[in-house]
Amino acid sequence: METKRLYRSVKNKVLCGVCGGIGEYFNVDPVIIRLIWVILMFFQPWRHMFHSFAGFSLIGGSLVVYFIAAVIIPRAPSDDGSR
């Protein structure tokens, strides 16, 4: 049995493929994952605390988290063997 792994998507990507990869992992439309990300980015209840400790805005912090995920999550292996 093959284990399920989280990868950045090669097919469903807008920026780096993070939301597309999460959508493929959970078998959900990546657009829904992107909408949830944007909603959480603007309406997180801890935004004031985050701004106080981190020193930058919530939107900037969410983008930093996105790009950290893009670095940490490996790109999906392509079917044809090329990168």
PDB file of N, CA and C in Angstrom:
ATOM      1  N   MET A   1       0.841  -1.181   0.000  1.00  0.00           N
ATOM      2  CA  MET A   1       0.000   0.000   0.000  1.00  0.00           C
ATOM      3  C   MET A   1       0.893   1.253   0.000  1.00  0.00           C
ATOM      4  N   GLU A   2       0.610   2.150  -0.883  1.00  0.00           N
ATOM      5  CA  GLU A   2       1.392   3.371  -1.014  1.00  0.00           C
ATOM      6  C   GLU A   2       0.899   4.418  -0.024  1.00  0.00           C
ATOM      7  N   THR A   3       1.837   5.056   0.686  1.00  0.00           N
ATOM      8  CA  THR A   3       1.457   6.091   1.644  1.00  0.00           C
ATOM      9  C   THR A   3       1.169   7.397   0.910  1.00  0.00           C
ATOM     10  N   LYS A   4       0.257   8.139   1.467  1.00  0.00           N
ATOM     11  CA  LYS A   4      -0.147   9.414   0.893  1.00  0.00           C
ATOM     12  C   LYS A   4       0.826  10.491   1.361  1.00  0.00           C
ATOM     13  N   ARG A   5       1.344  11.299   0.429  1.00  0.00           N
ATOM     14  CA  ARG A   5       2.297  12.353   0.761  1.00  0.00           C
ATOM     15  C   ARG A   5       1.795  13.696   0.258  1.00  0.00           C
ATOM     16  N   LEU A   6       2.162  14.733   0.978  1.00  0.00           N
ATOM     17  CA  LEU A   6       1.795  16.094   0.597  1.00  0.00           C
ATOM     18  C   LEU A   6       2.888  16.663  -0.290  1.00  0.00           C
ATOM     19  N   TYR A   7       2.497  17.110  -1.480  1.00  0.00           N
ATOM     20  CA  TYR A   7       3.412  17.732  -2.431  1.00  0.00           C
ATOM     21  C   TYR A   7       2.811  19.044  -2.906  1.00  0.00           C
ATOM     22  N   ARG A   8       3.673  19.949  -3.375  1.00  0.00           N
ATOM     23  CA  ARG A   8       3.176  21.123  -4.090  1.00  0.00           C
ATOM     24  C   ARG A   8       2.713  20.653  -5.456  1.00  0.00           C
ATOM     25  N   SER A   9       1.601  21.157  -5.898  1.00  0.00           N
ATOM     26  CA  SER A   9       1.024  20.716  -7.155  1.00  0.00           C
ATOM     27  C   SER A   9       1.777  21.294  -8.352  1.00  0.00           C
ATOM     28  N   VAL A  10       1.895  20.482  -9.375  1.00  0.00           N
ATOM     29  CA  VAL A  10       2.464  20.936 -10.639  1.00  0.00           C
ATOM     30  C   VAL A  10       1.341  21.362 -11.581  1.00  0.00           C
ATOM     31  N   LYS A  11       0.173  20.690 -11.474  1.00  0.00           N
ATOM     32  CA  LYS A  11      -0.963  20.960 -12.362  1.00  0.00           C
ATOM     33  C   LYS A  11      -1.831  22.113 -11.877  1.00  0.00           C
ATOM     34  N   ASN A  12      -2.124  22.167 -10.567  1.00  0.00           N
ATOM     35  CA  ASN A  12      -3.062  23.140 -10.006  1.00  0.00           C
ATOM     36  C   ASN A  12      -2.331  24.223  -9.234  1.00  0.00           C
ATOM     37  N   LYS A  13      -1.491  24.984  -9.903  1.00  0.00           N
ATOM     38  CA  LYS A  13      -0.763  26.008  -9.175  1.00  0.00           C
ATOM     39  C   LYS A  13      -1.085  27.397  -9.712  1.00  0.00           C
ATOM     40  N   VAL A  14      -1.107  28.349  -8.781  1.00  0.00           N
ATOM     41  CA  VAL A  14      -1.266  29.746  -9.140  1.00  0.00           C
ATOM     42  C   VAL A  14       0.053  30.469  -8.849  1.00  0.00           C
ATOM     43  N   LEU A  15       0.537  30.355  -7.613  1.00  0.00           N
ATOM     44  CA  LEU A  15       1.845  30.923  -7.279  1.00  0.00           C
ATOM     45  C   LEU A  15       2.897  29.806  -7.224  1.00  0.00           C
ATOM     46  N   CYS A  16       2.847  29.049  -6.150  1.00  0.00           N
ATOM     47  CA  CYS A  16       3.859  27.998  -5.954  1.00  0.00           C
ATOM     48  C   CYS A  16       3.267  26.595  -5.916  1.00  0.00           C
ATOM     49  N   GLY A  17       1.960  26.472  -5.927  1.00  0.00           N
ATOM     50  CA  GLY A  17       1.318  25.163  -5.922  1.00  0.00           C
ATOM     51  C   GLY A  17       0.992  24.620  -4.543  1.00  0.00           C
ATOM     52  N   VAL A  18       1.114  25.459  -3.500  1.00  0.00           N
ATOM     53  CA  VAL A  18       0.858  24.995  -2.138  1.00  0.00           C
ATOM     54  C   VAL A  18      -0.618  24.652  -1.951  1.00  0.00           C
ATOM     55  N   CYS A  19      -1.503  25.571  -2.272  1.00  0.00           N
ATOM     56  CA  CYS A  19      -2.941  25.319  -2.103  1.00  0.00           C
ATOM     57  C   CYS A  19      -3.417  24.202  -3.029  1.00  0.00           C
ATOM     58  N   GLY A  20      -2.870  24.144  -4.238  1.00  0.00           N
ATOM     59  CA  GLY A  20      -3.214  23.060  -5.153  1.00  0.00           C
ATOM     60  C   GLY A  20      -2.781  21.714  -4.605  1.00  0.00           C
ATOM     61  N   GLY A  21      -1.608  21.667  -3.992  1.00  0.00           N
ATOM     62  CA  GLY A  21      -1.125  20.425  -3.392  1.00  0.00           C
ATOM     63  C   GLY A  21      -1.957  20.004  -2.194  1.00  0.00           C
ATOM     64  N   ILE A  22      -2.360  20.966  -1.373  1.00  0.00           N
ATOM     65  CA  ILE A  22      -3.214  20.656  -0.224  1.00  0.00           C
ATOM     66  C   ILE A  22      -4.566  20.148  -0.713  1.00  0.00           C
ATOM     67  N   GLY A  23      -5.091  20.772  -1.765  1.00  0.00           N
ATOM     68  CA  GLY A  23      -6.352  20.312  -2.334  1.00  0.00           C
ATOM     69  C   GLY A  23      -6.253  18.901  -2.891  1.00  0.00           C
ATOM     70  N   GLU A  24      -5.157  18.595  -3.561  1.00  0.00           N
ATOM     71  CA  GLU A  24      -4.971  17.241  -4.086  1.00  0.00           C
ATOM     72  C   GLU A  24      -4.798  16.233  -2.954  1.00  0.00           C
ATOM     73  N   TYR A  25      -4.121  16.625  -1.884  1.00  0.00           N
ATOM     74  CA  TYR A  25      -3.900  15.725  -0.754  1.00  0.00           C
ATOM     75  C   TYR A  25      -5.218  15.344  -0.093  1.00  0.00           C
ATOM     76  N   PHE A  26      -6.093  16.338   0.120  1.00  0.00           N
ATOM     77  CA  PHE A  26      -7.377  16.092   0.763  1.00  0.00           C
ATOM     78  C   PHE A  26      -8.494  15.781  -0.227  1.00  0.00           C
ATOM     79  N   ASN A  27      -8.167  15.692  -1.506  1.00  0.00           N
ATOM     80  CA  ASN A  27      -9.135  15.391  -2.557  1.00  0.00           C
ATOM     81  C   ASN A  27     -10.283  16.417  -2.570  1.00  0.00           C
ATOM     82  N   VAL A  28      -9.887  17.703  -2.520  1.00  0.00           N
ATOM     83  CA  VAL A  28     -10.822  18.828  -2.520  1.00  0.00           C
ATOM     84  C   VAL A  28     -10.400  19.762  -3.648  1.00  0.00           C
ATOM     85  N   ASP A  29     -11.347  20.486  -4.201  1.00  0.00           N
ATOM     86  CA  ASP A  29     -11.036  21.454  -5.250  1.00  0.00           C
ATOM     87  C   ASP A  29     -10.068  22.513  -4.700  1.00  0.00           C
ATOM     88  N   PRO A  30      -8.941  22.745  -5.352  1.00  0.00           N
ATOM     89  CA  PRO A  30      -7.969  23.729  -4.858  1.00  0.00           C
ATOM     90  C   PRO A  30      -8.530  25.145  -4.730  1.00  0.00           C
ATOM     91  N   VAL A  31      -9.555  25.473  -5.479  1.00  0.00           N
ATOM     92  CA  VAL A  31     -10.163  26.807  -5.360  1.00  0.00           C
ATOM     93  C   VAL A  31     -10.756  26.987  -3.967  1.00  0.00           C
ATOM     94  N   ILE A  32     -11.327  25.923  -3.424  1.00  0.00           N
ATOM     95  CA  ILE A  32     -11.889  25.987  -2.071  1.00  0.00           C
ATOM     96  C   ILE A  32     -10.774  26.228  -1.059  1.00  0.00           C
ATOM     97  N   ILE A  33      -9.642  25.569  -1.223  1.00  0.00           N
ATOM     98  CA  ILE A  33      -8.506  25.768  -0.326  1.00  0.00           C
ATOM     99  C   ILE A  33      -8.009  27.209  -0.422  1.00  0.00           C
ATOM    100  N   ARG A  34      -7.951  27.745  -1.631  1.00  0.00           N
ATOM    101  CA  ARG A  34      -7.508  29.139  -1.811  1.00  0.00           C
ATOM    102  C   ARG A  34      -8.479  30.123  -1.150  1.00  0.00           C
ATOM    103  N   LEU A  35      -9.777  29.871  -1.293  1.00  0.00           N
ATOM    104  CA  LEU A  35     -10.777  30.742  -0.656  1.00  0.00           C
ATOM    105  C   LEU A  35     -10.668  30.681   0.858  1.00  0.00           C
ATOM    106  N   ILE A  36     -10.485  29.480   1.401  1.00  0.00           N
ATOM    107  CA  ILE A  36     -10.320  29.340   2.852  1.00  0.00           C
ATOM    108  C   ILE A  36      -9.069  30.087   3.310  1.00  0.00           C
ATOM    109  N   TRP A  37      -7.988  29.986   2.546  1.00  0.00           N
ATOM    110  CA  TRP A  37      -6.738  30.689   2.903  1.00  0.00           C
ATOM    111  C   TRP A  37      -6.955  32.199   2.945  1.00  0.00           C
ATOM    112  N   VAL A  38      -7.644  32.739   1.938  1.00  0.00           N
ATOM    113  CA  VAL A  38      -7.885  34.190   1.888  1.00  0.00           C
ATOM    114  C   VAL A  38      -8.802  34.618   3.028  1.00  0.00           C
ATOM    115  N   ILE A  39      -9.847  33.849   3.291  1.00  0.00           N
ATOM    116  CA  ILE A  39     -10.763  34.192   4.381  1.00  0.00           C
ATOM    117  C   ILE A  39     -10.029  34.179   5.709  1.00  0.00           C
ATOM    118  N   LEU A  40      -9.233  33.145   5.954  1.00  0.00           N
ATOM    119  CA  LEU A  40      -8.479  33.092   7.201  1.00  0.00           C
ATOM    120  C   LEU A  40      -7.435  34.197   7.281  1.00  0.00           C
ATOM    121  N   MET A  41      -6.897  34.589   6.146  1.00  0.00           N
ATOM    122  CA  MET A  41      -5.891  35.641   6.124  1.00  0.00           C
ATOM    123  C   MET A  41      -6.482  36.971   6.593  1.00  0.00           C
ATOM    124  N   PHE A  42      -7.739  37.238   6.255  1.00  0.00           N
ATOM    125  CA  PHE A  42      -8.347  38.510   6.623  1.00  0.00           C
ATOM    126  C   PHE A  42      -9.114  38.481   7.937  1.00  0.00           C
ATOM    127  N   PHE A  43      -9.574  37.304   8.362  1.00  0.00           N
ATOM    128  CA  PHE A  43     -10.472  37.247   9.520  1.00  0.00           C
ATOM    129  C   PHE A  43      -9.947  36.398  10.668  1.00  0.00           C
ATOM    130  N   GLN A  44      -8.659  36.332  10.841  1.00  0.00           N
ATOM    131  CA  GLN A  44      -8.123  35.558  11.958  1.00  0.00           C
ATOM    132  C   GLN A  44      -8.289  36.342  13.248  1.00  0.00           C
ATOM    133  N   PRO A  45      -8.792  35.704  14.296  1.00  0.00           N
ATOM    134  CA  PRO A  45      -9.045  36.427  15.547  1.00  0.00           C
ATOM    135  C   PRO A  45      -7.778  36.848  16.276  1.00  0.00           C
ATOM    136  N   TRP A  46      -6.636  36.234  15.994  1.00  0.00           N
ATOM    137  CA  TRP A  46      -5.405  36.553  16.707  1.00  0.00           C
ATOM    138  C   TRP A  46      -4.546  37.568  15.964  1.00  0.00           C
ATOM    139  N   ARG A  47      -5.132  38.305  15.006  1.00  0.00           N
ATOM    140  CA  ARG A  47      -4.346  39.208  14.179  1.00  0.00           C
ATOM    141  C   ARG A  47      -3.659  40.316  14.981  1.00  0.00           C
ATOM    142  N   HIS A  48      -4.288  40.812  16.058  1.00  0.00           N
ATOM    143  CA  HIS A  48      -3.676  41.883  16.851  1.00  0.00           C
ATOM    144  C   HIS A  48      -2.477  41.353  17.636  1.00  0.00           C
ATOM    145  N   MET A  49      -2.623  40.147  18.187  1.00  0.00           N
ATOM    146  CA  MET A  49      -1.519  39.551  18.920  1.00  0.00           C
ATOM    147  C   MET A  49      -0.348  39.256  17.978  1.00  0.00           C
ATOM    148  N   PHE A  50      -0.658  38.755  16.784  1.00  0.00           N
ATOM    149  CA  PHE A  50       0.384  38.447  15.807  1.00  0.00           C
ATOM    150  C   PHE A  50       1.138  39.706  15.415  1.00  0.00           C
ATOM    151  N   HIS A  51       0.403  40.788  15.204  1.00  0.00           N
ATOM    152  CA  HIS A  51       1.033  42.054  14.834  1.00  0.00           C
ATOM    153  C   HIS A  51       1.918  42.578  15.968  1.00  0.00           C
ATOM    154  N   SER A  52       1.470  42.399  17.206  1.00  0.00           N
ATOM    155  CA  SER A  52       2.244  42.887  18.346  1.00  0.00           C
ATOM    156  C   SER A  52       3.567  42.149  18.490  1.00  0.00           C
ATOM    157  N   PHE A  53       3.543  40.816  18.319  1.00  0.00           N
ATOM    158  CA  PHE A  53       4.752  40.025  18.523  1.00  0.00           C
ATOM    159  C   PHE A  53       5.652  39.985  17.295  1.00  0.00           C
ATOM    160  N   ALA A  54       5.072  39.856  16.140  1.00  0.00           N
ATOM    161  CA  ALA A  54       5.874  39.693  14.930  1.00  0.00           C
ATOM    162  C   ALA A  54       6.307  41.030  14.341  1.00  0.00           C
ATOM    163  N   GLY A  55       5.517  42.073  14.566  1.00  0.00           N
ATOM    164  CA  GLY A  55       5.897  43.384  14.080  1.00  0.00           C
ATOM    165  C   GLY A  55       5.526  43.647  12.632  1.00  0.00           C
ATOM    166  N   PHE A  56       4.776  42.760  12.014  1.00  0.00           N
ATOM    167  CA  PHE A  56       4.310  43.035  10.660  1.00  0.00           C
ATOM    168  C   PHE A  56       2.864  42.591  10.527  1.00  0.00           C
ATOM    169  N   SER A  57       2.229  43.026   9.483  1.00  0.00           N
ATOM    170  CA  SER A  57       0.791  42.834   9.343  1.00  0.00           C
ATOM    171  C   SER A  57       0.418  41.375   9.160  1.00  0.00           C
ATOM    172  N   LEU A  58      -0.854  41.086   9.380  1.00  0.00           N
ATOM    173  CA  LEU A  58      -1.361  39.723   9.235  1.00  0.00           C
ATOM    174  C   LEU A  58      -1.220  39.234   7.806  1.00  0.00           C
ATOM    175  N   ILE A  59      -1.530  40.086   6.851  1.00  0.00           N
ATOM    176  CA  ILE A  59      -1.437  39.674   5.452  1.00  0.00           C
ATOM    177  C   ILE A  59       0.010  39.365   5.107  1.00  0.00           C
ATOM    178  N   GLY A  60       0.919  40.196   5.548  1.00  0.00           N
ATOM    179  CA  GLY A  60       2.334  39.921   5.321  1.00  0.00           C
ATOM    180  C   GLY A  60       2.772  38.643   6.010  1.00  0.00           C
ATOM    181  N   GLY A  61       2.271  38.410   7.221  1.00  0.00           N
ATOM    182  CA  GLY A  61       2.596  37.188   7.949  1.00  0.00           C
ATOM    183  C   GLY A  61       2.042  35.954   7.260  1.00  0.00           C
ATOM    184  N   SER A  62       0.844  36.057   6.728  1.00  0.00           N
ATOM    185  CA  SER A  62       0.243  34.923   6.022  1.00  0.00           C
ATOM    186  C   SER A  62       1.013  34.613   4.742  1.00  0.00           C
ATOM    187  N   LEU A  63       1.487  35.635   4.077  1.00  0.00           N
ATOM    188  CA  LEU A  63       2.297  35.408   2.878  1.00  0.00           C
ATOM    189  C   LEU A  63       3.633  34.760   3.228  1.00  0.00           C
ATOM    190  N   VAL A  64       4.191  35.159   4.365  1.00  0.00           N
ATOM    191  CA  VAL A  64       5.434  34.533   4.816  1.00  0.00           C
ATOM    192  C   VAL A  64       5.194  33.049   5.098  1.00  0.00           C
ATOM    193  N   VAL A  65       4.085  32.734   5.769  1.00  0.00           N
ATOM    194  CA  VAL A  65       3.743  31.337   6.045  1.00  0.00           C
ATOM    195  C   VAL A  65       3.556  30.575   4.736  1.00  0.00           C
ATOM    196  N   TYR A  66       2.915  31.189   3.747  1.00  0.00           N
ATOM    197  CA  TYR A  66       2.708  30.539   2.452  1.00  0.00           C
ATOM    198  C   TYR A  66       4.045  30.214   1.792  1.00  0.00           C
ATOM    199  N   PHE A  67       4.952  31.171   1.769  1.00  0.00           N
ATOM    200  CA  PHE A  67       6.230  30.938   1.101  1.00  0.00           C
ATOM    201  C   PHE A  67       7.134  29.988   1.894  1.00  0.00           C
ATOM    202  N   ILE A  68       6.989  29.964   3.224  1.00  0.00           N
ATOM    203  CA  ILE A  68       7.705  28.946   4.006  1.00  0.00           C
ATOM    204  C   ILE A  68       7.177  27.562   3.643  1.00  0.00           C
ATOM    205  N   ALA A  69       5.848  27.446   3.504  1.00  0.00           N
ATOM    206  CA  ALA A  69       5.260  26.166   3.085  1.00  0.00           C
ATOM    207  C   ALA A  69       5.744  25.788   1.695  1.00  0.00           C
ATOM    208  N   ALA A  70       5.911  26.773   0.822  1.00  0.00           N
ATOM    209  CA  ALA A  70       6.398  26.498  -0.533  1.00  0.00           C
ATOM    210  C   ALA A  70       7.824  25.972  -0.513  1.00  0.00           C
ATOM    211  N   VAL A  71       8.606  26.394   0.461  1.00  0.00           N
ATOM    212  CA  VAL A  71       9.983  25.916   0.569  1.00  0.00           C
ATOM    213  C   VAL A  71      10.031  24.534   1.222  1.00  0.00           C
ATOM    214  N   ILE A  72       9.196  24.326   2.231  1.00  0.00           N
ATOM    215  CA  ILE A  72       9.222  23.073   2.990  1.00  0.00           C
ATOM    216  C   ILE A  72       8.573  21.917   2.235  1.00  0.00           C
ATOM    217  N   ILE A  73       7.434  22.165   1.608  1.00  0.00           N
ATOM    218  CA  ILE A  73       6.701  21.099   0.914  1.00  0.00           C
ATOM    219  C   ILE A  73       7.383  20.832  -0.424  1.00  0.00           C
ATOM    220  N   PRO A  74       7.779  19.587  -0.675  1.00  0.00           N
ATOM    221  CA  PRO A  74       8.463  19.290  -1.939  1.00  0.00           C
ATOM    222  C   PRO A  74       7.515  19.344  -3.130  1.00  0.00           C
ATOM    223  N   ARG A  75       8.086  19.626  -4.296  1.00  0.00           N
ATOM    224  CA  ARG A  75       7.299  19.659  -5.520  1.00  0.00           C
ATOM    225  C   ARG A  75       6.934  18.234  -5.922  1.00  0.00           C
ATOM    226  N   ALA A  76       5.745  18.052  -6.455  1.00  0.00           N
ATOM    227  CA  ALA A  76       5.286  16.726  -6.864  1.00  0.00           C
ATOM    228  C   ALA A  76       6.182  16.200  -7.981  1.00  0.00           C
ATOM    229  N   PRO A  77       6.533  14.925  -7.890  1.00  0.00           N
ATOM    230  CA  PRO A  77       7.323  14.361  -8.986  1.00  0.00           C
ATOM    231  C   PRO A  77       6.504  14.333 -10.268  1.00  0.00           C
ATOM    232  N   SER A  78       7.121  14.730 -11.366  1.00  0.00           N
ATOM    233  CA  SER A  78       6.383  14.756 -12.627  1.00  0.00           C
ATOM    234  C   SER A  78       6.316  13.357 -13.209  1.00  0.00           C
ATOM    235  N   ASP A  79       5.310  13.117 -14.028  1.00  0.00           N
ATOM    236  CA  ASP A  79       5.093  11.800 -14.612  1.00  0.00           C
ATOM    237  C   ASP A  79       6.117  11.456 -15.682  1.00  0.00           C
ATOM    238  N   ASP A  80       6.622  12.460 -16.383  1.00  0.00           N
ATOM    239  CA  ASP A  80       7.544  12.191 -17.503  1.00  0.00           C
ATOM    240  C   ASP A  80       9.010  12.167 -17.080  1.00  0.00           C
ATOM    241  N   GLY A  81       9.288  12.371 -15.782  1.00  0.00           N
ATOM    242  CA  GLY A  81      10.661  12.303 -15.292  1.00  0.00           C
ATOM    243  C   GLY A  81      11.415  13.609 -15.383  1.00  0.00           C
ATOM    244  N   SER A  82      10.879  14.631 -16.024  1.00  0.00           N
ATOM    245  CA  SER A  82      11.562  15.923 -16.112  1.00  0.00           C
ATOM    246  C   SER A  82      11.150  16.790 -14.933  1.00  0.00           C
ATOM    247  N   ARG A  83      11.930  17.842 -14.671  1.00  0.00           N
ATOM    248  CA  ARG A  83      11.629  18.750 -13.561  1.00  0.00           C
ATOM    249  C   ARG A  83      11.082  20.026 -14.080  1.00  0.00           C
TER     250      ARG A  83
END
